[in-house]
Amino acid sequence: MAHNIGHFFYNGGGDSQDTANKIANFTRDMGFPVQCIGIPKTVDNDIPFTDNCPGFGSVAKYIAISTKEAGLDVASMAETSTKVFILEVMGRHAGWIAAASGLAQEKQTDPPHIILFPEIPFNQKKMLSKVKSTIKKQGYCVIVVSEGVQDNKGNFLADAGTKDAFGHKQLGGVAPQIASIINSSLGYKYHWAVSDYLQRSARHIASQTDLEQAYSVGQAAIEFVLKGQNAVMPIIKRKNTKKYSWEIDKVSLSRVANKEKKMPRSFIKKKMVLVSRGHEKNF
């Protein structure tokens, strides 16, 4: 074989695992001795079978702390100035990152007061009602919105009209749209921010568990190759212990290729906007 390539490692999300699976099938059918191993890595946390994806723990920590700190800032000036803050986070089809924004809550009235998930169709009337009632009670309102929030017809609110290399619609920023809706309907002064690359590159606030898991799946990928395995992906398997613990297992690439793990509906309150209390251990 040209260049004497015998092993192929590909880290990434569902699309990347699909690519690794296709290469594994192609090289097998062509008789090339290439071992293909996928490695989970996506901050969206949407790969199935693995308890979580390397990268997510650190993003969750960053977003939770950023939401809490931004909330304190808005609360300090809400009486005379800004009353609404909107933070846009990653998550095209899965709201794991948005949900993580509530992890630093100490009481039910702490921000975020509203979370808009891609799994739940956007309802403008309900959102505006919640914003108004929250400001009446708390004096301010913090909203976290997934970039992939959709209307009831499945259209992205932030569809930029272009597609990426995998054919997915590129999203152009939903936070300013939500801010505009609130301002034009209720007249509140607002600020918005898009966490964008900051959320996935904030090495200074990385989760130690996340770092350990990232190294472990990489090490496992090498060990799988040395054992002669092919077309598999290492996964993080949660142990049945009171304190969070985990171990490395594996799954066939064909089972994770182009598959998505979305937020379970049971993790989201009936009124679609808030994370259910008591599920923090799952993030």
Protein backbone atom coordinates (compact mmCIF):
# COMPACT_ATOMS: atom_id res chain seq x y z
CA MET A 1 0.00 0.00 0.00
CA ALA A 2 1.24 3.53 -0.81
CA HIS A 3 3.04 5.28 2.07
CA ASN A 4 2.78 2.11 4.15
CA ILE A 5 -0.21 3.38 6.17
CA GLY A 6 -1.51 0.70 8.51
CA HIS A 7 -3.50 2.63 11.10
CA PHE A 8 -6.04 5.45 10.87
CA PHE A 9 -7.29 7.39 13.91
CA TYR A 10 -10.05 9.98 13.58
CA ASN A 11 -11.32 12.01 16.50
CA GLY A 12 -14.53 14.01 16.31
CA GLY A 13 -18.31 13.79 16.44
CA GLY A 14 -20.90 11.76 14.56
CA ASP A 15 -19.82 12.91 11.11
CA SER A 16 -16.21 12.07 11.88
CA GLN A 17 -17.16 8.62 13.15
CA ASP A 18 -19.13 8.10 9.94
CA THR A 19 -16.01 8.97 7.93
CA ALA A 20 -13.90 6.57 9.99
CA ASN A 21 -16.50 3.84 9.49
CA LYS A 22 -16.57 4.41 5.72
CA ILE A 23 -12.78 4.22 5.52
CA ALA A 24 -12.82 1.03 7.59
CA ASN A 25 -15.36 -0.54 5.22
CA PHE A 26 -13.57 0.68 2.11
CA THR A 27 -10.13 -0.55 3.12
CA ARG A 28 -11.62 -3.89 4.19
CA ASP A 29 -13.43 -4.33 0.86
CA MET A 30 -10.31 -3.35 -1.09
CA GLY A 31 -8.12 -5.69 0.91
CA PHE A 32 -5.95 -2.95 2.43
CA PRO A 33 -4.58 -3.84 5.89
CA VAL A 34 -5.66 -0.57 7.58
CA GLN A 35 -7.07 -0.47 11.11
CA CYS A 36 -9.53 2.41 11.61
CA ILE A 37 -10.30 3.66 15.10
CA GLY A 38 -12.70 6.48 15.90
CA ILE A 39 -12.11 8.65 18.97
CA PRO A 40 -15.02 10.60 20.54
CA LYS A 41 -14.45 14.35 20.73
CA THR A 42 -17.28 16.83 20.51
CA VAL A 43 -18.28 19.56 22.92
CA ASP A 44 -21.90 19.10 21.80
CA ASN A 45 -21.88 15.81 23.76
CA ASP A 46 -24.17 14.21 21.20
CA ILE A 47 -22.42 10.90 20.44
CA PRO A 48 -24.50 7.94 21.64
CA PHE A 49 -23.33 5.05 23.86
CA THR A 50 -20.59 7.04 25.59
CA ASP A 51 -21.56 8.52 28.97
CA ASN A 52 -20.22 11.85 27.76
CA CYS A 53 -17.78 13.13 25.17
CA PRO A 54 -14.31 14.51 25.89
CA GLY A 55 -14.56 18.27 25.65
CA PHE A 56 -18.05 18.53 27.07
CA GLY A 57 -17.07 18.61 30.74
CA SER A 58 -14.83 21.63 30.23
CA VAL A 59 -17.40 23.48 28.11
CA ALA A 60 -20.10 22.73 30.67
CA LYS A 61 -17.91 24.21 33.41
CA TYR A 62 -17.14 27.31 31.35
CA ILE A 63 -20.78 27.96 30.41
CA ALA A 64 -22.09 27.34 33.93
CA ILE A 65 -19.62 29.80 35.46
CA SER A 66 -20.05 32.36 32.67
CA THR A 67 -23.83 32.27 33.09
CA LYS A 68 -23.58 32.77 36.83
CA GLU A 69 -21.10 35.64 36.52
CA ALA A 70 -23.05 37.38 33.75
CA GLY A 71 -26.18 37.03 35.86
CA LEU A 72 -24.51 38.78 38.79
CA ASP A 73 -23.41 41.58 36.49
CA VAL A 74 -26.87 42.11 35.00
CA ALA A 75 -28.51 41.94 38.43
CA SER A 76 -26.24 44.73 39.67
CA MET A 77 -27.47 47.20 37.04
CA ALA A 78 -30.98 45.96 36.27
CA GLU A 79 -32.73 48.65 38.30
CA THR A 80 -31.50 51.47 36.08
CA SER A 81 -30.13 49.81 32.94
CA THR A 82 -29.94 46.36 31.30
CA LYS A 83 -32.66 43.94 32.31
CA VAL A 84 -32.11 41.07 29.87
CA PHE A 85 -28.96 39.13 28.99
CA ILE A 86 -28.88 36.44 26.29
CA LEU A 87 -26.00 33.97 25.96
CA GLU A 88 -25.78 31.86 22.81
CA VAL A 89 -24.02 28.51 23.14
CA MET A 90 -23.13 25.68 20.78
CA GLY A 91 -25.53 22.82 20.15
CA ARG A 92 -27.03 22.32 16.70
CA HIS A 93 -29.48 19.55 17.55
CA ALA A 94 -28.66 18.69 21.17
CA GLY A 95 -29.07 20.98 24.17
CA TRP A 96 -26.49 19.50 26.52
CA ILE A 97 -24.35 22.65 26.63
CA ALA A 98 -27.36 24.91 27.13
CA ALA A 99 -28.54 22.66 29.96
CA ALA A 100 -25.14 22.88 31.62
CA SER A 101 -25.65 26.63 32.06
CA GLY A 102 -27.79 25.83 35.10
CA LEU A 103 -25.17 23.78 36.94
CA ALA A 104 -23.99 26.71 39.08
CA GLN A 105 -27.48 27.54 40.33
CA GLU A 106 -27.67 27.63 44.13
CA LYS A 107 -31.40 28.29 44.27
CA GLN A 108 -34.31 28.04 41.85
CA THR A 109 -34.40 31.80 41.18
CA ASP A 110 -30.73 31.97 40.11
CA PRO A 111 -29.93 32.39 36.41
CA PRO A 112 -30.41 31.10 33.85
CA HIS A 113 -34.11 31.86 34.10
CA ILE A 114 -34.83 30.61 30.60
CA ILE A 115 -33.10 27.96 28.49
CA LEU A 116 -34.08 27.53 24.86
CA PHE A 117 -33.33 24.02 23.63
CA PRO A 118 -33.03 22.77 20.04
CA GLU A 119 -35.12 19.75 21.09
CA ILE A 120 -38.11 21.96 21.94
CA PRO A 121 -39.76 24.12 19.23
CA PHE A 122 -39.36 27.83 19.94
CA ASN A 123 -42.56 29.44 21.22
CA GLN A 124 -42.25 33.22 21.09
CA LYS A 125 -45.41 33.91 23.08
CA LYS A 126 -44.36 31.65 25.96
CA MET A 127 -40.84 33.05 26.00
CA LEU A 128 -42.02 36.66 26.15
CA SER A 129 -44.46 35.81 28.92
CA LYS A 130 -41.68 34.13 30.91
CA VAL A 131 -39.31 37.08 30.37
CA LYS A 132 -41.94 39.54 31.56
CA SER A 133 -42.88 37.54 34.66
CA THR A 134 -39.23 36.90 35.56
CA ILE A 135 -38.35 40.59 35.39
CA LYS A 136 -41.40 41.43 37.48
CA LYS A 137 -40.28 38.97 40.17
CA GLN A 138 -36.47 39.12 39.94
CA GLY A 139 -35.82 42.49 38.32
CA TYR A 140 -33.81 40.94 35.48
CA CYS A 141 -33.75 37.89 33.21
CA VAL A 142 -30.90 35.72 31.90
CA ILE A 143 -31.54 33.54 28.86
CA VAL A 144 -29.30 30.81 27.45
CA VAL A 145 -30.10 29.71 23.92
CA SER A 146 -28.69 26.87 21.82
CA GLU A 147 -27.50 27.96 18.40
CA GLY A 148 -29.77 25.31 16.87
CA VAL A 149 -33.10 26.41 18.32
CA GLN A 150 -35.87 25.82 15.77
CA ASP A 151 -39.43 26.93 15.09
CA ASN A 152 -42.37 24.52 15.09
CA LYS A 153 -41.71 23.67 11.42
CA GLY A 154 -38.14 22.58 12.09
CA ASN A 155 -36.50 25.69 10.63
CA PHE A 156 -33.44 27.07 12.40
CA LEU A 157 -34.04 30.59 13.69
CA ALA A 158 -30.42 31.40 12.81
CA ASP A 159 -30.19 29.72 9.39
CA ALA A 160 -27.46 31.63 7.53
CA GLY A 161 -28.47 30.20 4.15
CA THR A 162 -25.21 28.28 3.59
CA LYS A 163 -23.98 24.74 4.30
CA ASP A 164 -20.78 23.27 5.71
CA ALA A 165 -18.61 20.50 4.25
CA PHE A 166 -20.93 17.82 5.67
CA GLY A 167 -24.04 19.42 4.19
CA HIS A 168 -25.30 20.87 7.48
CA LYS A 169 -26.89 24.31 7.46
CA GLN A 170 -24.57 26.96 8.86
CA LEU A 171 -26.06 28.98 11.67
CA GLY A 172 -25.66 32.73 11.78
CA GLY A 173 -26.33 33.74 15.38
CA VAL A 174 -29.60 33.38 17.25
CA ALA A 175 -28.84 35.55 20.31
CA PRO A 176 -29.34 38.89 18.52
CA GLN A 177 -32.60 37.59 17.06
CA ILE A 178 -33.93 36.68 20.50
CA ALA A 179 -32.77 40.07 21.81
CA SER A 180 -34.56 41.88 18.99
CA ILE A 181 -37.80 39.98 19.63
CA ILE A 182 -37.70 40.89 23.32
CA ASN A 183 -36.84 44.53 22.72
CA SER A 184 -39.46 45.10 20.03
CA SER A 185 -42.18 43.33 22.02
CA LEU A 186 -41.40 44.37 25.60
CA GLY A 187 -39.01 47.30 25.24
CA TYR A 188 -36.42 46.03 27.72
CA LYS A 189 -32.81 47.08 27.37
CA TYR A 190 -30.62 44.06 26.68
CA HIS A 191 -27.15 42.71 26.07
CA TRP A 192 -26.27 39.52 24.24
CA ALA A 193 -23.12 37.47 23.75
CA VAL A 194 -22.04 34.52 21.63
CA SER A 195 -19.64 32.21 23.45
CA ASP A 196 -18.48 30.73 20.12
CA TYR A 197 -14.86 29.48 20.21
CA LEU A 198 -14.31 30.76 23.76
CA GLN A 199 -16.44 27.98 25.22
CA ARG A 200 -14.40 25.21 23.65
CA SER A 201 -10.93 26.74 23.99
CA ALA A 202 -10.96 27.98 27.61
CA ARG A 203 -8.06 25.81 28.74
CA HIS A 204 -7.64 27.85 31.94
CA ILE A 205 -10.91 26.48 33.28
CA ALA A 206 -10.76 22.93 31.94
CA SER A 207 -12.41 20.13 33.89
CA GLN A 208 -9.88 17.73 35.43
CA THR A 209 -12.21 14.78 34.83
CA ASP A 210 -12.58 15.87 31.22
CA LEU A 211 -8.81 15.96 30.77
CA GLU A 212 -8.41 12.49 32.26
CA GLN A 213 -11.12 11.08 30.03
CA ALA A 214 -9.65 12.71 26.92
CA TYR A 215 -6.26 11.13 27.56
CA SER A 216 -7.88 7.78 28.37
CA VAL A 217 -9.85 7.46 25.12
CA GLY A 218 -6.71 8.35 23.17
CA GLN A 219 -4.71 5.73 25.02
CA ALA A 220 -7.47 3.17 24.52
CA ALA A 221 -7.44 3.82 20.76
CA ILE A 222 -3.76 2.86 20.63
CA GLU A 223 -4.39 -0.23 22.75
CA PHE A 224 -7.23 -1.32 20.45
CA VAL A 225 -4.89 -1.17 17.46
CA LEU A 226 -2.21 -3.15 19.27
CA LYS A 227 -4.83 -5.82 19.99
CA GLY A 228 -5.73 -6.00 16.30
CA GLN A 229 -9.17 -4.40 16.59
CA ASN A 230 -10.77 -2.41 13.79
CA ALA A 231 -13.79 -0.15 13.14
CA VAL A 232 -14.43 0.56 16.83
CA MET A 233 -14.54 3.64 19.06
CA PRO A 234 -13.57 3.83 22.74
CA ILE A 235 -16.38 5.07 24.98
CA ILE A 236 -16.68 6.29 28.55
CA LYS A 237 -18.84 3.93 30.59
CA ARG A 238 -20.32 5.18 33.84
CA LYS A 239 -19.93 2.85 36.80
CA ASN A 240 -22.82 2.19 39.16
CA THR A 241 -21.29 4.00 42.14
CA LYS A 242 -22.56 6.77 44.40
CA LYS A 243 -19.63 9.01 43.50
CA TYR A 244 -19.09 9.55 39.79
CA SER A 245 -16.66 6.99 38.39
CA TRP A 246 -16.05 5.58 34.94
CA GLU A 247 -14.14 3.12 32.82
CA ILE A 248 -13.30 2.69 29.15
CA ASP A 249 -15.29 0.37 26.92
CA LYS A 250 -15.83 0.27 23.15
CA VAL A 251 -18.56 0.33 20.53
CA SER A 252 -18.65 -0.49 16.83
CA LEU A 253 -18.29 2.54 14.56
CA SER A 254 -21.35 1.44 12.61
CA ARG A 255 -23.48 2.07 15.72
CA VAL A 256 -22.36 5.67 16.24
CA ALA A 257 -21.80 6.87 12.66
CA ASN A 258 -24.09 9.85 11.97
CA LYS A 259 -26.09 9.18 15.13
CA GLU A 260 -27.05 11.87 17.67
CA LYS A 261 -27.76 11.70 21.39
CA LYS A 262 -30.19 14.47 22.24
CA MET A 263 -31.36 15.74 25.61
CA PRO A 264 -33.96 13.33 27.05
CA ARG A 265 -37.32 15.05 27.36
CA SER A 266 -37.45 13.99 31.01
CA PHE A 267 -34.48 16.29 31.70
CA ILE A 268 -36.49 19.34 30.59
CA LYS A 269 -39.41 20.86 32.47
CA LYS A 270 -42.85 20.73 30.88
CA LYS A 271 -42.81 24.43 30.09
CA MET A 272 -39.81 23.78 27.85
CA VAL A 273 -37.53 26.48 29.15
CA LEU A 274 -35.79 25.25 32.28
CA VAL A 275 -33.56 22.34 33.19
CA SER A 276 -35.18 20.02 35.72
CA ARG A 277 -33.57 20.27 39.12
CA GLY A 278 -32.06 17.02 40.33
CA HIS A 279 -30.52 16.02 36.99
CA GLU A 280 -27.25 17.90 37.56
CA LYS A 281 -25.41 14.62 38.12
CA ASN A 282 -26.01 13.69 34.49
CA PHE A 283 -23.90 16.51 33.08
